[in-house]
PDB file of N, CA and C in Angstrom:
ATOM      1  N   MET A   1      -8.816  -4.778   0.196  1.00  0.00           N
ATOM      2  CA  MET A   1      -8.364  -5.671  -0.846  1.00  0.00           C
ATOM      3  C   MET A   1      -8.251  -7.058  -0.261  1.00  0.00           C
ATOM      4  N   PRO A   2      -8.644  -8.067  -1.035  1.00  0.00           N
ATOM      5  CA  PRO A   2      -8.480  -9.446  -0.576  1.00  0.00           C
ATOM      6  C   PRO A   2      -7.012  -9.724  -0.333  1.00  0.00           C
ATOM      7  N   GLY A   3      -6.707 -10.483   0.672  1.00  0.00           N
ATOM      8  CA  GLY A   3      -5.326 -10.888   0.924  1.00  0.00           C
ATOM      9  C   GLY A   3      -4.500  -9.892   1.689  1.00  0.00           C
ATOM     10  N   THR A   4      -5.080  -8.721   2.037  1.00  0.00           N
ATOM     11  CA  THR A   4      -4.318  -7.737   2.783  1.00  0.00           C
ATOM     12  C   THR A   4      -5.038  -7.432   4.085  1.00  0.00           C
ATOM     13  N   SER A   5      -5.633  -8.428   4.702  1.00  0.00           N
ATOM     14  CA  SER A   5      -6.318  -8.193   5.959  1.00  0.00           C
ATOM     15  C   SER A   5      -5.341  -7.808   7.054  1.00  0.00           C
ATOM     16  N   PRO A   6      -5.807  -7.180   8.111  1.00  0.00           N
ATOM     17  CA  PRO A   6      -4.901  -6.826   9.205  1.00  0.00           C
ATOM     18  C   PRO A   6      -4.191  -8.024   9.725  1.00  0.00           C
ATOM     19  N   PRO A   7      -2.971  -7.851  10.268  1.00  0.00           N
ATOM     20  CA  PRO A   7      -2.162  -8.977  10.697  1.00  0.00           C
ATOM     21  C   PRO A   7      -2.826  -9.881  11.743  1.00  0.00           C
ATOM     22  N   SER A   8      -3.812  -9.399  12.461  1.00  0.00           N
ATOM     23  CA  SER A   8      -4.444 -10.210  13.527  1.00  0.00           C
ATOM     24  C   SER A   8      -5.504 -11.187  12.970  1.00  0.00           C
ATOM     25  N   LYS A   9      -5.825 -11.108  11.702  1.00  0.00           N
ATOM     26  CA  LYS A   9      -6.885 -11.950  11.112  1.00  0.00           C
ATOM     27  C   LYS A   9      -6.304 -13.101  10.342  1.00  0.00           C
ATOM     28  N   GLY A  10      -7.112 -14.158  10.211  1.00  0.00           N
ATOM     29  CA  GLY A  10      -6.755 -15.256   9.318  1.00  0.00           C
ATOM     30  C   GLY A  10      -5.939 -16.376   9.965  1.00  0.00           C
ATOM     31  N   LYS A  11      -5.902 -17.461   9.237  1.00  0.00           N
ATOM     32  CA  LYS A  11      -5.162 -18.657   9.670  1.00  0.00           C
ATOM     33  C   LYS A  11      -3.695 -18.382   9.582  1.00  0.00           C
ATOM     34  N   ARG A  12      -2.938 -18.915  10.509  1.00  0.00           N
ATOM     35  CA  ARG A  12      -1.498 -18.685  10.560  1.00  0.00           C
ATOM     36  C   ARG A  12      -0.765 -19.939  10.140  1.00  0.00           C
ATOM     37  N   ARG A  13       0.482 -19.697   9.640  1.00  0.00           N
ATOM     38  CA  ARG A  13       1.330 -20.829   9.281  1.00  0.00           C
ATOM     39  C   ARG A  13       2.764 -20.464   9.605  1.00  0.00           C
ATOM     40  N   SER A  14       3.520 -21.437  10.006  1.00  0.00           N
ATOM     41  CA  SER A  14       4.935 -21.215  10.370  1.00  0.00           C
ATOM     42  C   SER A  14       5.744 -21.083   9.094  1.00  0.00           C
ATOM     43  N   VAL A  15       6.685 -20.127   9.137  1.00  0.00           N
ATOM     44  CA  VAL A  15       7.649 -19.926   8.044  1.00  0.00           C
ATOM     45  C   VAL A  15       8.990 -19.601   8.644  1.00  0.00           C
ATOM     46  N   ASN A  16      10.024 -19.750   7.864  1.00  0.00           N
ATOM     47  CA  ASN A  16      11.391 -19.374   8.294  1.00  0.00           C
ATOM     48  C   ASN A  16      11.759 -18.058   7.642  1.00  0.00           C
ATOM     49  N   LEU A  17      12.257 -17.115   8.440  1.00  0.00           N
ATOM     50  CA  LEU A  17      12.722 -15.842   7.942  1.00  0.00           C
ATOM     51  C   LEU A  17      14.141 -15.619   8.402  1.00  0.00           C
ATOM     52  N   THR A  18      14.911 -14.919   7.620  1.00  0.00           N
ATOM     53  CA  THR A  18      16.235 -14.503   8.028  1.00  0.00           C
ATOM     54  C   THR A  18      16.183 -13.005   8.247  1.00  0.00           C
ATOM     55  N   ILE A  19      16.481 -12.598   9.498  1.00  0.00           N
ATOM     56  CA  ILE A  19      16.390 -11.177   9.848  1.00  0.00           C
ATOM     57  C   ILE A  19      17.696 -10.804  10.532  1.00  0.00           C
ATOM     58  N   ARG A  20      18.186  -9.577  10.224  1.00  0.00           N
ATOM     59  CA  ARG A  20      19.428  -9.128  10.786  1.00  0.00           C
ATOM     60  C   ARG A  20      19.402  -9.219  12.291  1.00  0.00           C
ATOM     61  N   GLU A  21      20.514  -9.614  12.885  1.00  0.00           N
ATOM     62  CA  GLU A  21      20.607  -9.832  14.312  1.00  0.00           C
ATOM     63  C   GLU A  21      20.355  -8.547  15.114  1.00  0.00           C
ATOM     64  N   ASP A  22      20.887  -7.400  14.654  1.00  0.00           N
ATOM     65  CA  ASP A  22      20.653  -6.164  15.388  1.00  0.00           C
ATOM     66  C   ASP A  22      19.178  -5.774  15.402  1.00  0.00           C
ATOM     67  N   ILE A  23      18.472  -6.060  14.360  1.00  0.00           N
ATOM     68  CA  ILE A  23      17.028  -5.774  14.317  1.00  0.00           C
ATOM     69  C   ILE A  23      16.289  -6.659  15.307  1.00  0.00           C
ATOM     70  N   MET A  24      16.631  -7.943  15.311  1.00  0.00           N
ATOM     71  CA  MET A  24      15.980  -8.869  16.233  1.00  0.00           C
ATOM     72  C   MET A  24      16.287  -8.478  17.711  1.00  0.00           C
ATOM     73  N   ASN A  25      17.522  -8.096  17.981  1.00  0.00           N
ATOM     74  CA  ASN A  25      17.867  -7.663  19.316  1.00  0.00           C
ATOM     75  C   ASN A  25      17.086  -6.449  19.775  1.00  0.00           C
ATOM     76  N   SER A  26      16.931  -5.438  18.848  1.00  0.00           N
ATOM     77  CA  SER A  26      16.152  -4.260  19.146  1.00  0.00           C
ATOM     78  C   SER A  26      14.680  -4.595  19.382  1.00  0.00           C
ATOM     79  N   ALA A  27      14.134  -5.445  18.548  1.00  0.00           N
ATOM     80  CA  ALA A  27      12.725  -5.865  18.679  1.00  0.00           C
ATOM     81  C   ALA A  27      12.478  -6.573  19.998  1.00  0.00           C
ATOM     82  N   LYS A  28      13.384  -7.489  20.324  1.00  0.00           N
ATOM     83  CA  LYS A  28      13.213  -8.223  21.589  1.00  0.00           C
ATOM     84  C   LYS A  28      13.353  -7.297  22.807  1.00  0.00           C
ATOM     85  N   SER A  29      14.299  -6.321  22.724  1.00  0.00           N
ATOM     86  CA  SER A  29      14.464  -5.406  23.850  1.00  0.00           C
ATOM     87  C   SER A  29      13.236  -4.531  24.081  1.00  0.00           C
ATOM     88  N   LEU A  30      12.460  -4.346  23.008  1.00  0.00           N
ATOM     89  CA  LEU A  30      11.239  -3.551  23.093  1.00  0.00           C
ATOM     90  C   LEU A  30      10.006  -4.406  23.282  1.00  0.00           C
ATOM     91  N   ASP A  31      10.185  -5.700  23.505  1.00  0.00           N
ATOM     92  CA  ASP A  31       9.070  -6.658  23.659  1.00  0.00           C
ATOM     93  C   ASP A  31       8.088  -6.607  22.486  1.00  0.00           C
ATOM     94  N   LEU A  32       8.607  -6.440  21.274  1.00  0.00           N
ATOM     95  CA  LEU A  32       7.749  -6.469  20.111  1.00  0.00           C
ATOM     96  C   LEU A  32       7.429  -7.887  19.712  1.00  0.00           C
ATOM     97  N   ASN A  33       6.221  -8.071  19.211  1.00  0.00           N
ATOM     98  CA  ASN A  33       5.849  -9.371  18.637  1.00  0.00           C
ATOM     99  C   ASN A  33       6.394  -9.377  17.209  1.00  0.00           C
ATOM    100  N   VAL A  34       7.508 -10.054  17.020  1.00  0.00           N
ATOM    101  CA  VAL A  34       8.232 -10.002  15.736  1.00  0.00           C
ATOM    102  C   VAL A  34       7.386 -10.617  14.606  1.00  0.00           C
ATOM    103  N   SER A  35       6.659 -11.646  14.918  1.00  0.00           N
ATOM    104  CA  SER A  35       5.792 -12.275  13.864  1.00  0.00           C
ATOM    105  C   SER A  35       4.739 -11.260  13.357  1.00  0.00           C
ATOM    106  N   ARG A  36       4.103 -10.574  14.304  1.00  0.00           N
ATOM    107  CA  ARG A  36       3.103  -9.576  13.926  1.00  0.00           C
ATOM    108  C   ARG A  36       3.717  -8.406  13.172  1.00  0.00           C
ATOM    109  N   ALA A  37       4.900  -7.964  13.605  1.00  0.00           N
ATOM    110  CA  ALA A  37       5.590  -6.875  12.933  1.00  0.00           C
ATOM    111  C   ALA A  37       5.975  -7.270  11.516  1.00  0.00           C
ATOM    112  N   ALA A  38       6.477  -8.473  11.342  1.00  0.00           N
ATOM    113  CA  ALA A  38       6.844  -8.980  10.019  1.00  0.00           C
ATOM    114  C   ALA A  38       5.615  -9.031   9.153  1.00  0.00           C
ATOM    115  N   GLU A  39       4.515  -9.567   9.697  1.00  0.00           N
ATOM    116  CA  GLU A  39       3.250  -9.676   8.968  1.00  0.00           C
ATOM    117  C   GLU A  39       2.781  -8.284   8.504  1.00  0.00           C
ATOM    118  N   ALA A  40       2.840  -7.320   9.379  1.00  0.00           N
ATOM    119  CA  ALA A  40       2.418  -5.977   9.046  1.00  0.00           C
ATOM    120  C   ALA A  40       3.283  -5.410   7.896  1.00  0.00           C
ATOM    121  N   GLY A  41       4.544  -5.651   7.970  1.00  0.00           N
ATOM    122  CA  GLY A  41       5.454  -5.192   6.891  1.00  0.00           C
ATOM    123  C   GLY A  41       5.181  -5.885   5.576  1.00  0.00           C
ATOM    124  N   ILE A  42       4.866  -7.157   5.594  1.00  0.00           N
ATOM    125  CA  ILE A  42       4.529  -7.887   4.361  1.00  0.00           C
ATOM    126  C   ILE A  42       3.193  -7.384   3.795  1.00  0.00           C
ATOM    127  N   VAL A  43       2.234  -7.141   4.669  1.00  0.00           N
ATOM    128  CA  VAL A  43       0.925  -6.604   4.219  1.00  0.00           C
ATOM    129  C   VAL A  43       1.133  -5.271   3.511  1.00  0.00           C
ATOM    130  N   GLU A  44       1.971  -4.417   4.083  1.00  0.00           N
ATOM    131  CA  GLU A  44       2.232  -3.108   3.472  1.00  0.00           C
ATOM    132  C   GLU A  44       2.970  -3.258   2.117  1.00  0.00           C
ATOM    133  N   ALA A  45       3.919  -4.188   2.033  1.00  0.00           N
ATOM    134  CA  ALA A  45       4.611  -4.443   0.794  1.00  0.00           C
ATOM    135  C   ALA A  45       3.646  -4.961  -0.285  1.00  0.00           C
ATOM    136  N   ILE A  46       2.680  -5.764   0.104  1.00  0.00           N
ATOM    137  CA  ILE A  46       1.671  -6.250  -0.838  1.00  0.00           C
ATOM    138  C   ILE A  46       0.826  -5.100  -1.330  1.00  0.00           C
ATOM    139  N   ARG A  47       0.395  -4.241  -0.394  1.00  0.00           N
ATOM    140  CA  ARG A  47      -0.417  -3.066  -0.779  1.00  0.00           C
ATOM    141  C   ARG A  47       0.335  -2.209  -1.773  1.00  0.00           C
ATOM    142  N   GLN A  48       1.587  -1.914  -1.493  1.00  0.00           N
ATOM    143  CA  GLN A  48       2.382  -1.065  -2.409  1.00  0.00           C
ATOM    144  C   GLN A  48       2.563  -1.741  -3.757  1.00  0.00           C
ATOM    145  N   ALA A  49       2.860  -3.032  -3.782  1.00  0.00           N
ATOM    146  CA  ALA A  49       3.049  -3.734  -5.041  1.00  0.00           C
ATOM    147  C   ALA A  49       1.758  -3.768  -5.875  1.00  0.00           C
ATOM    148  N   ARG A  50       0.620  -3.960  -5.206  1.00  0.00           N
ATOM    149  CA  ARG A  50      -0.658  -3.945  -5.943  1.00  0.00           C
ATOM    150  C   ARG A  50      -0.970  -2.549  -6.494  1.00  0.00           C
ATOM    151  N   ALA A  51      -0.654  -1.532  -5.709  1.00  0.00           N
ATOM    152  CA  ALA A  51      -0.897  -0.139  -6.177  1.00  0.00           C
ATOM    153  C   ALA A  51      -0.015   0.150  -7.380  1.00  0.00           C
ATOM    154  N   ALA A  52       1.249  -0.235  -7.334  1.00  0.00           N
ATOM    155  CA  ALA A  52       2.154  -0.018  -8.463  1.00  0.00           C
ATOM    156  C   ALA A  52       1.684  -0.787  -9.694  1.00  0.00           C
ATOM    157  N   ALA A  53       1.216  -2.040  -9.515  1.00  0.00           N
ATOM    158  CA  ALA A  53       0.719  -2.817 -10.643  1.00  0.00           C
ATOM    159  C   ALA A  53      -0.519  -2.184 -11.225  1.00  0.00           C
ATOM    160  N   TRP A  54      -1.414  -1.672 -10.378  1.00  0.00           N
ATOM    161  CA  TRP A  54      -2.601  -0.982 -10.865  1.00  0.00           C
ATOM    162  C   TRP A  54      -2.259   0.251 -11.702  1.00  0.00           C
ATOM    163  N   LYS A  55      -1.278   1.004 -11.225  1.00  0.00           N
ATOM    164  CA  LYS A  55      -0.842   2.209 -11.969  1.00  0.00           C
ATOM    165  C   LYS A  55      -0.274   1.802 -13.339  1.00  0.00           C
ATOM    166  N   ARG A  56       0.565   0.749 -13.340  1.00  0.00           N
ATOM    167  CA  ARG A  56       1.129   0.258 -14.638  1.00  0.00           C
ATOM    168  C   ARG A  56       0.031  -0.177 -15.577  1.00  0.00           C
ATOM    169  N   GLU A  57      -0.912  -0.968 -15.052  1.00  0.00           N
ATOM    170  CA  GLU A  57      -1.992  -1.526 -15.886  1.00  0.00           C
ATOM    171  C   GLU A  57      -2.899  -0.439 -16.405  1.00  0.00           C
ATOM    172  N   ASN A  58      -3.073   0.661 -15.683  1.00  0.00           N
ATOM    173  CA  ASN A  58      -3.992   1.707 -16.042  1.00  0.00           C
ATOM    174  C   ASN A  58      -3.333   2.981 -16.565  1.00  0.00           C
ATOM    175  N   ARG A  59      -2.009   2.858 -16.862  1.00  0.00           N
ATOM    176  CA  ARG A  59      -1.267   4.041 -17.271  1.00  0.00           C
ATOM    177  C   ARG A  59      -1.851   4.736 -18.504  1.00  0.00           C
ATOM    178  N   ALA A  60      -2.221   3.990 -19.528  1.00  0.00           N
ATOM    179  CA  ALA A  60      -2.752   4.600 -20.725  1.00  0.00           C
ATOM    180  C   ALA A  60      -4.036   5.385 -20.431  1.00  0.00           C
ATOM    181  N   ALA A  61      -4.929   4.805 -19.660  1.00  0.00           N
ATOM    182  CA  ALA A  61      -6.189   5.472 -19.335  1.00  0.00           C
ATOM    183  C   ALA A  61      -5.944   6.730 -18.480  1.00  0.00           C
ATOM    184  N   ILE A  62      -5.011   6.642 -17.565  1.00  0.00           N
ATOM    185  CA  ILE A  62      -4.699   7.818 -16.699  1.00  0.00           C
ATOM    186  C   ILE A  62      -4.087   8.928 -17.562  1.00  0.00           C
ATOM    187  N   GLU A  63      -3.185   8.575 -18.472  1.00  0.00           N
ATOM    188  CA  GLU A  63      -2.567   9.587 -19.363  1.00  0.00           C
ATOM    189  C   GLU A  63      -3.630  10.211 -20.301  1.00  0.00           C
ATOM    190  N   ALA A  64      -4.530   9.398 -20.811  1.00  0.00           N
ATOM    191  CA  ALA A  64      -5.606   9.933 -21.680  1.00  0.00           C
ATOM    192  C   ALA A  64      -6.501  10.861 -20.913  1.00  0.00           C
ATOM    193  N   HIS A  65      -6.862  10.483 -19.683  1.00  0.00           N
ATOM    194  CA  HIS A  65      -7.693  11.344 -18.845  1.00  0.00           C
ATOM    195  C   HIS A  65      -6.979  12.659 -18.563  1.00  0.00           C
ATOM    196  N   ASN A  66      -5.733  12.584 -18.174  1.00  0.00           N
ATOM    197  CA  ASN A  66      -4.964  13.841 -17.877  1.00  0.00           C
ATOM    198  C   ASN A  66      -4.839  14.722 -19.130  1.00  0.00           C
ATOM    199  N   ALA A  67      -4.641  14.120 -20.289  1.00  0.00           N
ATOM    200  CA  ALA A  67      -4.562  14.929 -21.512  1.00  0.00           C
ATOM    201  C   ALA A  67      -5.898  15.597 -21.806  1.00  0.00           C
ATOM    202  N   ARG A  68      -7.009  14.873 -21.588  1.00  0.00           N
ATOM    203  CA  ARG A  68      -8.319  15.484 -21.840  1.00  0.00           C
ATOM    204  C   ARG A  68      -8.600  16.624 -20.886  1.00  0.00           C
ATOM    205  N   VAL A  69      -8.243  16.445 -19.614  1.00  0.00           N
ATOM    206  CA  VAL A  69      -8.440  17.513 -18.634  1.00  0.00           C
ATOM    207  C   VAL A  69      -7.542  18.705 -18.985  1.00  0.00           C
ATOM    208  N   GLU A  70      -6.328  18.456 -19.401  1.00  0.00           N
ATOM    209  CA  GLU A  70      -5.435  19.556 -19.742  1.00  0.00           C
ATOM    210  C   GLU A  70      -5.915  20.338 -20.951  1.00  0.00           C
ATOM    211  N   SER A  71      -6.469  19.638 -21.948  1.00  0.00           N
ATOM    212  CA  SER A  71      -6.964  20.370 -23.132  1.00  0.00           C
ATOM    213  C   SER A  71      -8.333  20.928 -22.976  1.00  0.00           C
ATOM    214  N   GLY A  72      -9.228  20.304 -22.248  1.00  0.00           N
ATOM    215  CA  GLY A  72     -10.590  20.762 -22.156  1.00  0.00           C
ATOM    216  C   GLY A  72     -11.078  21.132 -20.796  1.00  0.00           C
ATOM    217  N   GLY A  73     -10.222  21.015 -19.798  1.00  0.00           N
ATOM    218  CA  GLY A  73     -10.649  21.356 -18.442  1.00  0.00           C
ATOM    219  C   GLY A  73     -11.443  20.250 -17.787  1.00  0.00           C
ATOM    220  N   MET A  74     -11.781  20.501 -16.533  1.00  0.00           N
ATOM    221  CA  MET A  74     -12.561  19.516 -15.797  1.00  0.00           C
ATOM    222  C   MET A  74     -13.983  19.546 -16.280  1.00  0.00           C
ATOM    223  N   LEU A  75     -14.650  18.407 -16.228  1.00  0.00           N
ATOM    224  CA  LEU A  75     -16.058  18.328 -16.635  1.00  0.00           C
ATOM    225  C   LEU A  75     -16.944  19.009 -15.586  1.00  0.00           C
ATOM    226  N   LEU A  76     -16.593  18.841 -14.341  1.00  0.00           N
ATOM    227  CA  LEU A  76     -17.342  19.430 -13.247  1.00  0.00           C
ATOM    228  C   LEU A  76     -16.383  20.212 -12.371  1.00  0.00           C
ATOM    229  N   THR A  77     -16.772  21.373 -11.916  1.00  0.00           N
ATOM    230  CA  THR A  77     -15.959  22.135 -10.972  1.00  0.00           C
ATOM    231  C   THR A  77     -16.512  21.904  -9.570  1.00  0.00           C
ATOM    232  N   PRO A  78     -15.711  21.328  -8.665  1.00  0.00           N
ATOM    233  CA  PRO A  78     -16.192  21.133  -7.312  1.00  0.00           C
ATOM    234  C   PRO A  78     -16.512  22.478  -6.650  1.00  0.00           C
ATOM    235  N   ASP A  79     -17.463  22.432  -5.720  1.00  0.00           N
ATOM    236  CA  ASP A  79     -17.857  23.650  -5.022  1.00  0.00           C
ATOM    237  C   ASP A  79     -16.683  24.359  -4.384  1.00  0.00           C
ATOM    238  N   TRP A  80     -15.746  23.597  -3.821  1.00  0.00           N
ATOM    239  CA  TRP A  80     -14.602  24.214  -3.158  1.00  0.00           C
ATOM    240  C   TRP A  80     -13.654  24.888  -4.097  1.00  0.00           C
ATOM    241  N   ALA A  81     -13.767  24.579  -5.426  1.00  0.00           N
ATOM    242  CA  ALA A  81     -12.841  25.173  -6.377  1.00  0.00           C
ATOM    243  C   ALA A  81     -13.491  26.316  -7.178  1.00  0.00           C
ATOM    244  N   ALA A  82     -14.777  26.501  -6.992  1.00  0.00           N
ATOM    245  CA  ALA A  82     -15.498  27.557  -7.757  1.00  0.00           C
ATOM    246  C   ALA A  82     -15.022  28.926  -7.347  1.00  0.00           C
ATOM    247  N   GLU A  83     -14.903  29.784  -8.350  1.00  0.00           N
ATOM    248  CA  GLU A  83     -14.492  31.173  -8.086  1.00  0.00           C
ATOM    249  C   GLU A  83     -15.733  31.950  -7.629  1.00  0.00           C
ATOM    250  N   GLU A  84     -15.530  32.838  -6.668  1.00  0.00           N
ATOM    251  CA  GLU A  84     -16.650  33.640  -6.181  1.00  0.00           C
ATOM    252  C   GLU A  84     -16.705  35.000  -6.778  1.00  0.00           C
TER     253      GLU A  84
END
């Protein structure tokens, strides 16, 4: 997805964040790159928010598909699901 590249890619910009002191102390004691860790967390939050938005936007189509499958079955039976 555009905008969700791995934390090591792309132009960087300085921002101010407020993070709990105990979390920062733990991160520093483990020699973690806090900026990269924060970036990774934000990327994951973006991925989850986009997935949730997609589900909301496509809810009617998903429900219609599920109703059709429930009433008429699958159009194709995968090889792994075929009865022998």
